[in-house]
Amino acid sequence: MTEIPDHRSVAMKAIRYYSYGPPAVIQLQDVDKPEVGDGEVLVRVRAASVNAGDWHLLRGLPYIFRAQAGLTRPKSHVLGNDLAGEVVAVGRSVTALRPGDEVYGFCRGSFAEYVALPAEGFVVRKPAGLTFEEAAAVPVAAVTALQALRDKGRVRAGQKVLVNGAGGGVGPFAVQIAKALGAEVTAVCGAGNVEMVRSIGADHVVDYTKEDFTRSGERYDVILDNVANRSLRDCRRVLAPRGIYLHNSGDKGGRWVGVMTRIVHVMLSSLFVRQSLVAGYVADENTDDLAVLRDLLEAGKIRPVVDRTHPLSEVPEAIAYIERGHARGKVVITME
């Protein structure tokens, strides 16, 4: 194993939270660097990105999720799940990675200067030509979009795909991945995102503040719904008779069950209609799909859209911004 200083005696900066609540409960602390296990790598995090899951974990909402996360206080005290950085040490049995490799991928607790994680199944080589900030914007959002459209939606060339909520974290990746799969893409977003969404390749752009896509008279083979700001009945009206509706998050709902209300509605409705209605799927975080995305990124078929960056000390502000629901692409955390 590559020798590095005793991590137990060397502090690093990391984000921690010990109670549910608003971003104000987040703390930036000095903690010990993690030790590297036999099959692990130590990564110096250069950038990490914020996802909707971070504010859900922080708030402990909806309450139904606390059955697993901790009833009165969080069991885990870390936030962040996307990262891009440099390998600085590897365990004895690790052969696929070595110090100096630039990687990107998944790691719980990525809002920290260093993380230790298994060498396999979590990170792969960073896409060439991308900055650390751009690479950190990719994993969770892009894998979610890829698996929704390729696996659940079975999108193929010549189909018509509508992405509702095309301006947020998942939306821009979904627009570009649908185009890469050969689809004709309609993107629905707010006025502030129209030009951005058009610039990444959407064939048609609908400003939802001016037009209701469910009244357009168009029919779509696949609808990826990231915001659930229209009823399921309305969405089905513009879905092809054998089309596929994919519900992905959105619809904050009540504090007790939140998005589960919409998920149950979609699942029950699917029993009585010819259209395929899919809800409640969770993206499978895997390195095979990270490699697929790396190929698409290096080929220029997709690109990350980064709204803004914040230093590690401003994680509370970054999460508050995401929680308000008006991000244009991804919000990225950089390490000083």
C-alpha atoms as a PDB file:
ATOM      1  CA  MET A   1       0.000   0.000   0.000  1.00  0.00           C
ATOM      2  CA  THR A   2       1.239   3.492  -0.816  1.00  0.00           C
ATOM      3  CA  GLU A   3       2.453   5.101   2.401  1.00  0.00           C
ATOM      4  CA  ILE A   4       0.709   8.238   3.585  1.00  0.00           C
ATOM      5  CA  PRO A   5       0.741  10.053   6.941  1.00  0.00           C
ATOM      6  CA  ASP A   6      -1.213   8.691   9.883  1.00  0.00           C
ATOM      7  CA  HIS A   7      -4.730   9.918   9.064  1.00  0.00           C
ATOM      8  CA  ARG A   8      -5.821   9.677  12.672  1.00  0.00           C
ATOM      9  CA  SER A   9      -3.534  12.565  13.569  1.00  0.00           C
ATOM     10  CA  VAL A  10      -4.387  14.739  10.573  1.00  0.00           C
ATOM     11  CA  ALA A  11      -7.616  16.738  10.490  1.00  0.00           C
ATOM     12  CA  MET A  12      -9.747  17.558   7.486  1.00  0.00           C
ATOM     13  CA  LYS A  13     -12.829  19.686   6.910  1.00  0.00           C
ATOM     14  CA  ALA A  14     -16.155  17.900   6.528  1.00  0.00           C
ATOM     15  CA  ILE A  15     -19.879  18.632   6.713  1.00  0.00           C
ATOM     16  CA  ARG A  16     -21.855  17.112   9.570  1.00  0.00           C
ATOM     17  CA  TYR A  17     -25.411  17.396  10.902  1.00  0.00           C
ATOM     18  CA  TYR A  18     -26.777  15.897  14.120  1.00  0.00           C
ATOM     19  CA  SER A  19     -30.443  16.862  14.087  1.00  0.00           C
ATOM     20  CA  TYR A  20     -33.147  17.221  11.471  1.00  0.00           C
ATOM     21  CA  GLY A  21     -33.948  20.738  10.439  1.00  0.00           C
ATOM     22  CA  PRO A  22     -33.178  23.627   8.092  1.00  0.00           C
ATOM     23  CA  PRO A  23     -29.744  24.207   6.522  1.00  0.00           C
ATOM     24  CA  ALA A  24     -28.778  26.201   9.611  1.00  0.00           C
ATOM     25  CA  VAL A  25     -28.236  22.926  11.543  1.00  0.00           C
ATOM     26  CA  ILE A  26     -25.362  21.974   9.212  1.00  0.00           C
ATOM     27  CA  GLN A  27     -21.873  22.236  10.718  1.00  0.00           C
ATOM     28  CA  LEU A  28     -18.459  22.497   9.073  1.00  0.00           C
ATOM     29  CA  GLN A  29     -16.130  20.556  11.353  1.00  0.00           C
ATOM     30  CA  ASP A  30     -12.547  19.412  11.702  1.00  0.00           C
ATOM     31  CA  VAL A  31     -12.599  15.610  11.729  1.00  0.00           C
ATOM     32  CA  ASP A  32     -10.007  12.872  11.330  1.00  0.00           C
ATOM     33  CA  LYS A  33      -9.121  11.790   7.831  1.00  0.00           C
ATOM     34  CA  PRO A  34     -10.491   8.310   7.111  1.00  0.00           C
ATOM     35  CA  GLU A  35      -8.186   5.315   7.246  1.00  0.00           C
ATOM     36  CA  VAL A  36      -7.757   3.207   4.133  1.00  0.00           C
ATOM     37  CA  GLY A  37      -8.842  -0.421   4.346  1.00  0.00           C
ATOM     38  CA  ASP A  38      -7.304  -3.276   2.380  1.00  0.00           C
ATOM     39  CA  GLY A  39      -9.742  -3.072  -0.545  1.00  0.00           C
ATOM     40  CA  GLU A  40     -10.292   0.676  -0.382  1.00  0.00           C
ATOM     41  CA  VAL A  41      -8.969   3.867  -1.918  1.00  0.00           C
ATOM     42  CA  LEU A  42      -8.499   7.250  -0.300  1.00  0.00           C
ATOM     43  CA  VAL A  43      -9.755  10.047  -2.549  1.00  0.00           C
ATOM     44  CA  ARG A  44      -9.034  13.723  -2.187  1.00  0.00           C
ATOM     45  CA  VAL A  45     -12.388  15.236  -3.082  1.00  0.00           C
ATOM     46  CA  ARG A  46     -12.020  18.122  -5.488  1.00  0.00           C
ATOM     47  CA  ALA A  47     -15.739  18.683  -6.070  1.00  0.00           C
ATOM     48  CA  ALA A  48     -19.104  17.219  -5.059  1.00  0.00           C
ATOM     49  CA  SER A  49     -22.623  18.094  -6.136  1.00  0.00           C
ATOM     50  CA  VAL A  50     -25.894  18.652  -4.311  1.00  0.00           C
ATOM     51  CA  ASN A  51     -28.947  16.482  -4.959  1.00  0.00           C
ATOM     52  CA  ALA A  52     -32.548  16.691  -3.806  1.00  0.00           C
ATOM     53  CA  GLY A  53     -31.827  13.746  -1.527  1.00  0.00           C
ATOM     54  CA  ASP A  54     -29.519  15.935   0.549  1.00  0.00           C
ATOM     55  CA  TRP A  55     -32.248  18.294   1.662  1.00  0.00           C
ATOM     56  CA  HIS A  56     -34.669  15.387   2.217  1.00  0.00           C
ATOM     57  CA  LEU A  57     -32.105  13.767   4.529  1.00  0.00           C
ATOM     58  CA  LEU A  58     -31.407  17.073   6.251  1.00  0.00           C
ATOM     59  CA  ARG A  59     -35.074  17.794   6.891  1.00  0.00           C
ATOM     60  CA  GLY A  60     -35.968  14.188   7.648  1.00  0.00           C
ATOM     61  CA  LEU A  61     -38.889  14.539   5.248  1.00  0.00           C
ATOM     62  CA  PRO A  62     -41.202  12.940   4.505  1.00  0.00           C
ATOM     63  CA  TYR A  63     -41.520  11.461   7.971  1.00  0.00           C
ATOM     64  CA  ILE A  64     -42.063   7.962   6.591  1.00  0.00           C
ATOM     65  CA  PHE A  65     -38.374   7.879   5.598  1.00  0.00           C
ATOM     66  CA  ARG A  66     -37.312   8.343   9.237  1.00  0.00           C
ATOM     67  CA  ALA A  67     -38.177   4.712   9.912  1.00  0.00           C
ATOM     68  CA  GLN A  68     -34.883   3.939   8.176  1.00  0.00           C
ATOM     69  CA  ALA A  69     -32.920   7.177   8.605  1.00  0.00           C
ATOM     70  CA  GLY A  70     -33.612   7.632  12.333  1.00  0.00           C
ATOM     71  CA  LEU A  71     -36.875   8.442  14.094  1.00  0.00           C
ATOM     72  CA  THR A  72     -35.896  11.489  16.166  1.00  0.00           C
ATOM     73  CA  ARG A  73     -32.403  12.235  14.913  1.00  0.00           C
ATOM     74  CA  PRO A  74     -30.359  11.055  11.918  1.00  0.00           C
ATOM     75  CA  LYS A  75     -28.411   7.817  12.277  1.00  0.00           C
ATOM     76  CA  SER A  76     -25.899   9.058   9.714  1.00  0.00           C
ATOM     77  CA  HIS A  77     -24.381  12.508  10.119  1.00  0.00           C
ATOM     78  CA  VAL A  78     -22.902  13.014   6.637  1.00  0.00           C
ATOM     79  CA  LEU A  79     -24.253  14.543   3.442  1.00  0.00           C
ATOM     80  CA  GLY A  80     -23.285  14.419  -0.229  1.00  0.00           C
ATOM     81  CA  ASN A  81     -23.231  11.494  -2.649  1.00  0.00           C
ATOM     82  CA  ASP A  82     -21.504  12.664  -5.863  1.00  0.00           C
ATOM     83  CA  LEU A  83     -17.780  13.299  -6.145  1.00  0.00           C
ATOM     84  CA  ALA A  84     -14.853  13.920  -8.443  1.00  0.00           C
ATOM     85  CA  GLY A  85     -11.291  13.873  -7.150  1.00  0.00           C
ATOM     86  CA  GLU A  86      -7.851  12.297  -7.043  1.00  0.00           C
ATOM     87  CA  VAL A  87      -6.788   8.963  -5.602  1.00  0.00           C
ATOM     88  CA  VAL A  88      -4.072   9.612  -3.009  1.00  0.00           C
ATOM     89  CA  ALA A  89      -3.678   6.124  -1.496  1.00  0.00           C
ATOM     90  CA  VAL A  90      -4.820   2.562  -2.179  1.00  0.00           C
ATOM     91  CA  GLY A  91      -5.179  -0.574  -0.088  1.00  0.00           C
ATOM     92  CA  ARG A  92      -2.856  -3.548  -0.514  1.00  0.00           C
ATOM     93  CA  SER A  93      -5.250  -5.577  -2.669  1.00  0.00           C
ATOM     94  CA  VAL A  94      -6.236  -2.724  -4.972  1.00  0.00           C
ATOM     95  CA  THR A  95      -4.889  -3.014  -8.519  1.00  0.00           C
ATOM     96  CA  ALA A  96      -7.402  -1.165 -10.698  1.00  0.00           C
ATOM     97  CA  LEU A  97      -6.604   2.272  -9.283  1.00  0.00           C
ATOM     98  CA  ARG A  98      -3.408   3.952  -8.156  1.00  0.00           C
ATOM     99  CA  PRO A  99      -2.378   7.247  -6.558  1.00  0.00           C
ATOM    100  CA  GLY A 100      -2.743  10.133  -8.962  1.00  0.00           C
ATOM    101  CA  ASP A 101      -5.743   8.707 -10.840  1.00  0.00           C
ATOM    102  CA  GLU A 102      -8.559  11.189 -11.389  1.00  0.00           C
ATOM    103  CA  VAL A 103     -11.926   9.584 -10.682  1.00  0.00           C
ATOM    104  CA  TYR A 104     -15.617  10.356 -10.395  1.00  0.00           C
ATOM    105  CA  GLY A 105     -18.527   8.479  -8.923  1.00  0.00           C
ATOM    106  CA  PHE A 106     -20.541   7.865  -5.779  1.00  0.00           C
ATOM    107  CA  CYS A 107     -19.652   8.084  -2.109  1.00  0.00           C
ATOM    108  CA  ARG A 108     -21.930   8.765   0.842  1.00  0.00           C
ATOM    109  CA  GLY A 109     -20.494  11.699   2.759  1.00  0.00           C
ATOM    110  CA  SER A 110     -18.766  13.371  -0.165  1.00  0.00           C
ATOM    111  CA  PHE A 111     -19.069  16.840   1.384  1.00  0.00           C
ATOM    112  CA  ALA A 112     -15.595  16.408   2.850  1.00  0.00           C
ATOM    113  CA  GLU A 113     -11.994  16.991   1.825  1.00  0.00           C
ATOM    114  CA  TYR A 114     -11.193  13.244   1.802  1.00  0.00           C
ATOM    115  CA  VAL A 115     -13.229  10.048   1.624  1.00  0.00           C
ATOM    116  CA  ALA A 116     -12.321   6.367   1.845  1.00  0.00           C
ATOM    117  CA  LEU A 117     -14.410   3.985  -0.226  1.00  0.00           C
ATOM    118  CA  PRO A 118     -14.270   0.524  -1.807  1.00  0.00           C
ATOM    119  CA  ALA A 119     -12.066   0.464  -4.896  1.00  0.00           C
ATOM    120  CA  GLU A 120     -14.683  -1.385  -6.961  1.00  0.00           C
ATOM    121  CA  GLY A 121     -18.254  -0.407  -7.726  1.00  0.00           C
ATOM    122  CA  PHE A 122     -18.169   3.254  -6.744  1.00  0.00           C
ATOM    123  CA  VAL A 123     -15.729   5.259  -8.861  1.00  0.00           C
ATOM    124  CA  VAL A 124     -14.181   5.086 -12.333  1.00  0.00           C
ATOM    125  CA  ARG A 125     -11.765   7.213 -14.307  1.00  0.00           C
ATOM    126  CA  LYS A 126     -12.971  10.779 -14.725  1.00  0.00           C
ATOM    127  CA  PRO A 127     -14.087  11.736 -18.254  1.00  0.00           C
ATOM    128  CA  ALA A 128     -11.284  13.374 -20.195  1.00  0.00           C
ATOM    129  CA  GLY A 129     -11.822  17.051 -20.897  1.00  0.00           C
ATOM    130  CA  LEU A 130     -14.115  17.670 -17.939  1.00  0.00           C
ATOM    131  CA  THR A 131     -13.178  19.767 -14.947  1.00  0.00           C
ATOM    132  CA  PHE A 132     -13.632  18.259 -11.501  1.00  0.00           C
ATOM    133  CA  GLU A 133     -16.647  20.530 -11.023  1.00  0.00           C
ATOM    134  CA  GLU A 134     -18.268  19.302 -14.239  1.00  0.00           C
ATOM    135  CA  ALA A 135     -17.525  15.660 -13.486  1.00  0.00           C
ATOM    136  CA  ALA A 136     -18.981  15.929  -9.976  1.00  0.00           C
ATOM    137  CA  ALA A 137     -22.258  17.131 -11.480  1.00  0.00           C
ATOM    138  CA  VAL A 138     -22.772  13.882 -13.362  1.00  0.00           C
ATOM    139  CA  PRO A 139     -23.156  10.698 -11.253  1.00  0.00           C
ATOM    140  CA  VAL A 140     -26.528  10.617  -9.462  1.00  0.00           C
ATOM    141  CA  ALA A 141     -28.471  12.862 -11.853  1.00  0.00           C
ATOM    142  CA  ALA A 142     -27.132  11.400 -15.091  1.00  0.00           C
ATOM    143  CA  VAL A 143     -27.387   7.767 -13.960  1.00  0.00           C
ATOM    144  CA  THR A 144     -30.994   8.453 -12.915  1.00  0.00           C
ATOM    145  CA  ALA A 145     -31.787   9.890 -16.345  1.00  0.00           C
ATOM    146  CA  LEU A 146     -29.953   7.106 -18.195  1.00  0.00           C
ATOM    147  CA  GLN A 147     -31.657   4.267 -16.386  1.00  0.00           C
ATOM    148  CA  ALA A 148     -35.076   5.919 -16.600  1.00  0.00           C
ATOM    149  CA  LEU A 149     -34.952   6.427 -20.354  1.00  0.00           C
ATOM    150  CA  ARG A 150     -32.853   3.469 -21.496  1.00  0.00           C
ATOM    151  CA  ASP A 151     -34.080   0.790 -19.068  1.00  0.00           C
ATOM    152  CA  LYS A 152     -37.555   1.829 -17.854  1.00  0.00           C
ATOM    153  CA  GLY A 153     -38.643   3.868 -20.864  1.00  0.00           C
ATOM    154  CA  ARG A 154     -36.908   1.674 -23.464  1.00  0.00           C
ATOM    155  CA  VAL A 155     -36.416   4.769 -25.628  1.00  0.00           C
ATOM    156  CA  ARG A 156     -35.382   4.067 -29.188  1.00  0.00           C
ATOM    157  CA  ALA A 157     -34.710   6.050 -32.345  1.00  0.00           C
ATOM    158  CA  GLY A 158     -37.685   7.853 -33.862  1.00  0.00           C
ATOM    159  CA  GLN A 159     -39.771   8.004 -30.691  1.00  0.00           C
ATOM    160  CA  LYS A 160     -41.194  11.169 -29.189  1.00  0.00           C
ATOM    161  CA  VAL A 161     -40.031  11.842 -25.631  1.00  0.00           C
ATOM    162  CA  LEU A 162     -41.220  14.592 -23.283  1.00  0.00           C
ATOM    163  CA  VAL A 163     -39.123  15.640 -20.283  1.00  0.00           C
ATOM    164  CA  ASN A 164     -41.154  17.574 -17.724  1.00  0.00           C
ATOM    165  CA  GLY A 165     -38.821  19.501 -15.445  1.00  0.00           C
ATOM    166  CA  ALA A 166     -36.052  19.781 -18.019  1.00  0.00           C
ATOM    167  CA  GLY A 167     -34.176  22.562 -16.250  1.00  0.00           C
ATOM    168  CA  GLY A 168     -33.261  21.001 -12.913  1.00  0.00           C
ATOM    169  CA  GLY A 169     -30.640  18.417 -11.962  1.00  0.00           C
ATOM    170  CA  VAL A 170     -31.876  15.344 -13.853  1.00  0.00           C
ATOM    171  CA  GLY A 171     -33.695  17.196 -16.646  1.00  0.00           C
ATOM    172  CA  PRO A 172     -30.755  18.480 -18.733  1.00  0.00           C
ATOM    173  CA  PHE A 173     -29.153  15.031 -18.720  1.00  0.00           C
ATOM    174  CA  ALA A 174     -32.484  13.445 -19.680  1.00  0.00           C
ATOM    175  CA  VAL A 175     -32.887  15.787 -22.666  1.00  0.00           C
ATOM    176  CA  GLN A 176     -29.407  14.974 -23.945  1.00  0.00           C
ATOM    177  CA  ILE A 177     -29.577  11.227 -23.291  1.00  0.00           C
ATOM    178  CA  ALA A 178     -32.940  10.987 -25.069  1.00  0.00           C
ATOM    179  CA  LYS A 179     -31.374  12.779 -28.049  1.00  0.00           C
ATOM    180  CA  ALA A 180     -28.383  10.409 -27.940  1.00  0.00           C
ATOM    181  CA  LEU A 181     -30.840   7.499 -28.079  1.00  0.00           C
ATOM    182  CA  GLY A 182     -32.320   8.961 -31.264  1.00  0.00           C
ATOM    183  CA  ALA A 183     -35.550  10.431 -29.914  1.00  0.00           C
ATOM    184  CA  GLU A 184     -37.351  13.652 -30.807  1.00  0.00           C
ATOM    185  CA  VAL A 185     -37.365  15.548 -27.519  1.00  0.00           C
ATOM    186  CA  THR A 186     -39.801  18.059 -26.085  1.00  0.00           C
ATOM    187  CA  ALA A 187     -38.539  19.799 -22.948  1.00  0.00           C
ATOM    188  CA  VAL A 188     -40.848  21.494 -20.438  1.00  0.00           C
ATOM    189  CA  CYS A 189     -39.292  24.099 -18.154  1.00  0.00           C
ATOM    190  CA  GLY A 190     -39.687  27.593 -16.730  1.00  0.00           C
ATOM    191  CA  ALA A 191     -38.985  30.792 -18.647  1.00  0.00           C
ATOM    192  CA  GLY A 192     -35.519  31.154 -17.137  1.00  0.00           C
ATOM    193  CA  ASN A 193     -34.390  27.792 -18.507  1.00  0.00           C
ATOM    194  CA  VAL A 194     -35.769  27.969 -22.051  1.00  0.00           C
ATOM    195  CA  GLU A 195     -32.548  29.086 -23.734  1.00  0.00           C
ATOM    196  CA  MET A 196     -30.378  26.690 -21.722  1.00  0.00           C
ATOM    197  CA  VAL A 197     -32.581  23.711 -22.581  1.00  0.00           C
ATOM    198  CA  ARG A 198     -32.677  24.707 -26.236  1.00  0.00           C
ATOM    199  CA  SER A 199     -28.872  24.997 -26.278  1.00  0.00           C
ATOM    200  CA  ILE A 200     -28.420  21.375 -25.164  1.00  0.00           C
ATOM    201  CA  GLY A 201     -30.427  19.995 -28.048  1.00  0.00           C
ATOM    202  CA  ALA A 202     -34.143  19.910 -27.231  1.00  0.00           C
ATOM    203  CA  ASP A 203     -36.176  19.807 -30.453  1.00  0.00           C
ATOM    204  CA  HIS A 204     -39.102  21.622 -28.858  1.00  0.00           C
ATOM    205  CA  VAL A 205     -39.229  23.699 -25.680  1.00  0.00           C
ATOM    206  CA  VAL A 206     -42.405  24.453 -23.711  1.00  0.00           C
ATOM    207  CA  ASP A 207     -42.439  27.271 -21.147  1.00  0.00           C
ATOM    208  CA  TYR A 208     -44.903  25.940 -18.582  1.00  0.00           C
ATOM    209  CA  THR A 209     -45.685  29.474 -17.377  1.00  0.00           C
ATOM    210  CA  LYS A 210     -47.190  30.208 -20.794  1.00  0.00           C
ATOM    211  CA  GLU A 211     -48.396  26.872 -22.097  1.00  0.00           C
ATOM    212  CA  ASP A 212     -49.839  23.659 -20.651  1.00  0.00           C
ATOM    213  CA  PHE A 213     -48.156  20.731 -22.401  1.00  0.00           C
ATOM    214  CA  THR A 214     -51.053  18.455 -21.447  1.00  0.00           C
ATOM    215  CA  ARG A 215     -53.362  20.560 -23.661  1.00  0.00           C
ATOM    216  CA  SER A 216     -51.097  20.585 -26.712  1.00  0.00           C
ATOM    217  CA  GLY A 217     -52.790  17.728 -28.572  1.00  0.00           C
ATOM    218  CA  GLU A 218     -49.414  16.032 -29.090  1.00  0.00           C
ATOM    219  CA  ARG A 219     -48.788  12.407 -28.212  1.00  0.00           C
ATOM    220  CA  TYR A 220     -45.560  11.113 -26.690  1.00  0.00           C
ATOM    221  CA  ASP A 221     -44.122   7.618 -26.528  1.00  0.00           C
ATOM    222  CA  VAL A 222     -42.328   8.319 -23.250  1.00  0.00           C
ATOM    223  CA  ILE A 223     -42.880  11.004 -20.614  1.00  0.00           C
ATOM    224  CA  LEU A 224     -40.248  11.487 -17.919  1.00  0.00           C
ATOM    225  CA  ASP A 225     -41.900  13.538 -15.184  1.00  0.00           C
ATOM    226  CA  ASN A 226     -39.377  15.115 -12.808  1.00  0.00           C
ATOM    227  CA  VAL A 227     -41.727  17.580 -11.120  1.00  0.00           C
ATOM    228  CA  ALA A 228     -45.273  16.145 -11.134  1.00  0.00           C
ATOM    229  CA  ASN A 229     -46.829  19.588 -11.498  1.00  0.00           C
ATOM    230  CA  ARG A 230     -49.630  18.192 -13.668  1.00  0.00           C
ATOM    231  CA  SER A 231     -52.071  15.486 -12.669  1.00  0.00           C
ATOM    232  CA  LEU A 232     -51.476  11.936 -13.776  1.00  0.00           C
ATOM    233  CA  ARG A 233     -54.746  12.066 -15.689  1.00  0.00           C
ATOM    234  CA  ASP A 234     -53.569  15.130 -17.618  1.00  0.00           C
ATOM    235  CA  CYS A 235     -50.208  13.512 -18.410  1.00  0.00           C
ATOM    236  CA  ARG A 236     -51.893  10.360 -19.663  1.00  0.00           C
ATOM    237  CA  ARG A 237     -53.926  12.466 -22.078  1.00  0.00           C
ATOM    238  CA  VAL A 238     -50.795  13.246 -24.102  1.00  0.00           C
ATOM    239  CA  LEU A 239     -49.267   9.779 -23.693  1.00  0.00           C
ATOM    240  CA  ALA A 240     -49.497   7.370 -26.610  1.00  0.00           C
ATOM    241  CA  PRO A 241     -51.937   4.460 -26.120  1.00  0.00           C
ATOM    242  CA  ARG A 242     -49.008   2.132 -25.429  1.00  0.00           C
ATOM    243  CA  GLY A 243     -46.737   4.850 -24.117  1.00  0.00           C
ATOM    244  CA  ILE A 244     -44.655   4.832 -20.939  1.00  0.00           C
ATOM    245  CA  TYR A 245     -45.003   7.387 -18.133  1.00  0.00           C
ATOM    246  CA  LEU A 246     -42.023   7.581 -15.761  1.00  0.00           C
ATOM    247  CA  HIS A 247     -42.515   9.330 -12.461  1.00  0.00           C
ATOM    248  CA  ASN A 248     -39.250  10.593 -10.986  1.00  0.00           C
ATOM    249  CA  SER A 249     -39.486  12.485  -7.704  1.00  0.00           C
ATOM    250  CA  GLY A 250     -41.260  15.846  -7.727  1.00  0.00           C
ATOM    251  CA  ASP A 251     -44.610  16.301  -5.964  1.00  0.00           C
ATOM    252  CA  LYS A 252     -43.334  17.118  -2.468  1.00  0.00           C
ATOM    253  CA  GLY A 253     -46.772  16.342  -1.019  1.00  0.00           C
ATOM    254  CA  GLY A 254     -47.331  16.310   2.724  1.00  0.00           C
ATOM    255  CA  ARG A 255     -44.788  16.060   5.502  1.00  0.00           C
ATOM    256  CA  TRP A 256     -45.809  12.507   6.408  1.00  0.00           C
ATOM    257  CA  VAL A 257     -45.714  10.586   3.147  1.00  0.00           C
ATOM    258  CA  GLY A 258     -44.641  13.230   0.605  1.00  0.00           C
ATOM    259  CA  VAL A 259     -43.892  11.802  -2.817  1.00  0.00           C
ATOM    260  CA  MET A 260     -45.302   8.411  -1.794  1.00  0.00           C
ATOM    261  CA  THR A 261     -48.816   9.742  -2.487  1.00  0.00           C
ATOM    262  CA  ARG A 262     -48.026  10.169  -6.181  1.00  0.00           C
ATOM    263  CA  ILE A 263     -46.103   6.903  -6.329  1.00  0.00           C
ATOM    264  CA  VAL A 264     -49.047   4.921  -4.932  1.00  0.00           C
ATOM    265  CA  HIS A 265     -51.419   6.705  -7.305  1.00  0.00           C
ATOM    266  CA  VAL A 266     -49.246   5.816 -10.306  1.00  0.00           C
ATOM    267  CA  MET A 267     -48.832   2.209  -9.223  1.00  0.00           C
ATOM    268  CA  LEU A 268     -52.553   1.675  -8.632  1.00  0.00           C
ATOM    269  CA  SER A 269     -53.522   3.384 -11.886  1.00  0.00           C
ATOM    270  CA  SER A 270     -51.133   1.152 -13.825  1.00  0.00           C
ATOM    271  CA  LEU A 271     -53.316  -1.844 -12.972  1.00  0.00           C
ATOM    272  CA  PHE A 272     -56.246  -0.509 -14.982  1.00  0.00           C
ATOM    273  CA  VAL A 273     -54.797   1.094 -18.126  1.00  0.00           C
ATOM    274  CA  ARG A 274     -52.993  -0.058 -21.258  1.00  0.00           C
ATOM    275  CA  GLN A 275     -50.322   2.585 -20.900  1.00  0.00           C
ATOM    276  CA  SER A 276     -47.280   1.664 -18.828  1.00  0.00           C
ATOM    277  CA  LEU A 277     -47.058   3.797 -15.681  1.00  0.00           C
ATOM    278  CA  VAL A 278     -43.817   3.473 -13.728  1.00  0.00           C
ATOM    279  CA  ALA A 279     -43.070   4.968 -10.314  1.00  0.00           C
ATOM    280  CA  GLY A 280     -41.012   4.305  -7.255  1.00  0.00           C
ATOM    281  CA  TYR A 281     -37.847   3.176  -9.018  1.00  0.00           C
ATOM    282  CA  VAL A 282     -34.504   4.033  -7.454  1.00  0.00           C
ATOM    283  CA  ALA A 283     -31.436   4.507  -9.626  1.00  0.00           C
ATOM    284  CA  ASP A 284     -28.878   1.720  -9.295  1.00  0.00           C
ATOM    285  CA  GLU A 285     -25.531   3.375  -8.567  1.00  0.00           C
ATOM    286  CA  ASN A 286     -23.015   1.343 -10.536  1.00  0.00           C
ATOM    287  CA  THR A 287     -19.745   1.902 -12.341  1.00  0.00           C
ATOM    288  CA  ASP A 288     -20.892   0.269 -15.589  1.00  0.00           C
ATOM    289  CA  ASP A 289     -23.271   3.155 -16.185  1.00  0.00           C
ATOM    290  CA  LEU A 290     -20.642   5.665 -15.079  1.00  0.00           C
ATOM    291  CA  ALA A 291     -18.477   4.240 -17.858  1.00  0.00           C
ATOM    292  CA  VAL A 292     -21.341   4.539 -20.361  1.00  0.00           C
ATOM    293  CA  LEU A 293     -21.801   8.170 -19.369  1.00  0.00           C
ATOM    294  CA  ARG A 294     -18.059   8.791 -19.614  1.00  0.00           C
ATOM    295  CA  ASP A 295     -18.154   7.579 -23.217  1.00  0.00           C
ATOM    296  CA  LEU A 296     -21.083   9.894 -24.001  1.00  0.00           C
ATOM    297  CA  LEU A 297     -19.336  12.824 -22.315  1.00  0.00           C
ATOM    298  CA  GLU A 298     -16.046  12.246 -24.102  1.00  0.00           C
ATOM    299  CA  ALA A 299     -17.887  11.933 -27.422  1.00  0.00           C
ATOM    300  CA  GLY A 300     -19.582  15.278 -26.793  1.00  0.00           C
ATOM    301  CA  LYS A 301     -23.082  13.761 -26.888  1.00  0.00           C
ATOM    302  CA  ILE A 302     -23.920  15.051 -23.416  1.00  0.00           C
ATOM    303  CA  ARG A 303     -22.440  17.764 -21.233  1.00  0.00           C
ATOM    304  CA  PRO A 304     -23.064  18.793 -17.627  1.00  0.00           C
ATOM    305  CA  VAL A 305     -24.947  21.996 -16.954  1.00  0.00           C
ATOM    306  CA  VAL A 306     -23.602  23.658 -13.809  1.00  0.00           C
ATOM    307  CA  ASP A 307     -25.748  26.443 -12.377  1.00  0.00           C
ATOM    308  CA  ARG A 308     -23.370  27.624  -9.654  1.00  0.00           C
ATOM    309  CA  THR A 309     -20.573  26.512  -7.371  1.00  0.00           C
ATOM    310  CA  HIS A 310     -20.123  26.996  -3.639  1.00  0.00           C
ATOM    311  CA  PRO A 311     -17.139  26.328  -1.378  1.00  0.00           C
ATOM    312  CA  LEU A 312     -17.493  23.620   1.273  1.00  0.00           C
ATOM    313  CA  SER A 313     -18.250  26.263   3.901  1.00  0.00           C
ATOM    314  CA  GLU A 314     -21.367  27.266   1.951  1.00  0.00           C
ATOM    315  CA  VAL A 315     -23.080  23.875   1.819  1.00  0.00           C
ATOM    316  CA  PRO A 316     -26.027  25.288   3.826  1.00  0.00           C
ATOM    317  CA  GLU A 317     -26.602  27.982   1.196  1.00  0.00           C
ATOM    318  CA  ALA A 318     -26.265  25.449  -1.631  1.00  0.00           C
ATOM    319  CA  ILE A 319     -28.811  23.061  -0.116  1.00  0.00           C
ATOM    320  CA  ALA A 320     -31.217  25.929   0.606  1.00  0.00           C
ATOM    321  CA  TYR A 321     -30.996  26.941  -3.052  1.00  0.00           C
ATOM    322  CA  ILE A 322     -31.737  23.406  -4.255  1.00  0.00           C
ATOM    323  CA  GLU A 323     -34.631  23.109  -1.803  1.00  0.00           C
ATOM    324  CA  ARG A 324     -36.298  26.184  -3.293  1.00  0.00           C
ATOM    325  CA  GLY A 325     -36.507  24.251  -6.571  1.00  0.00           C
ATOM    326  CA  HIS A 326     -35.197  26.817  -9.021  1.00  0.00           C
ATOM    327  CA  ALA A 327     -31.729  25.489  -9.878  1.00  0.00           C
ATOM    328  CA  ARG A 328     -30.741  25.650 -13.553  1.00  0.00           C
ATOM    329  CA  GLY A 329     -28.798  22.423 -13.810  1.00  0.00           C
ATOM    330  CA  LYS A 330     -26.509  21.241 -11.031  1.00  0.00           C
ATOM    331  CA  VAL A 331     -25.153  22.983  -7.949  1.00  0.00           C
ATOM    332  CA  VAL A 332     -21.575  21.958  -7.178  1.00  0.00           C
ATOM    333  CA  ILE A 333     -19.481  22.115  -3.995  1.00  0.00           C
ATOM    334  CA  THR A 334     -15.784  22.855  -4.419  1.00  0.00           C
ATOM    335  CA  MET A 335     -13.034  22.215  -1.891  1.00  0.00           C
ATOM    336  CA  GLU A 336     -10.816  25.113  -0.870  1.00  0.00           C
END
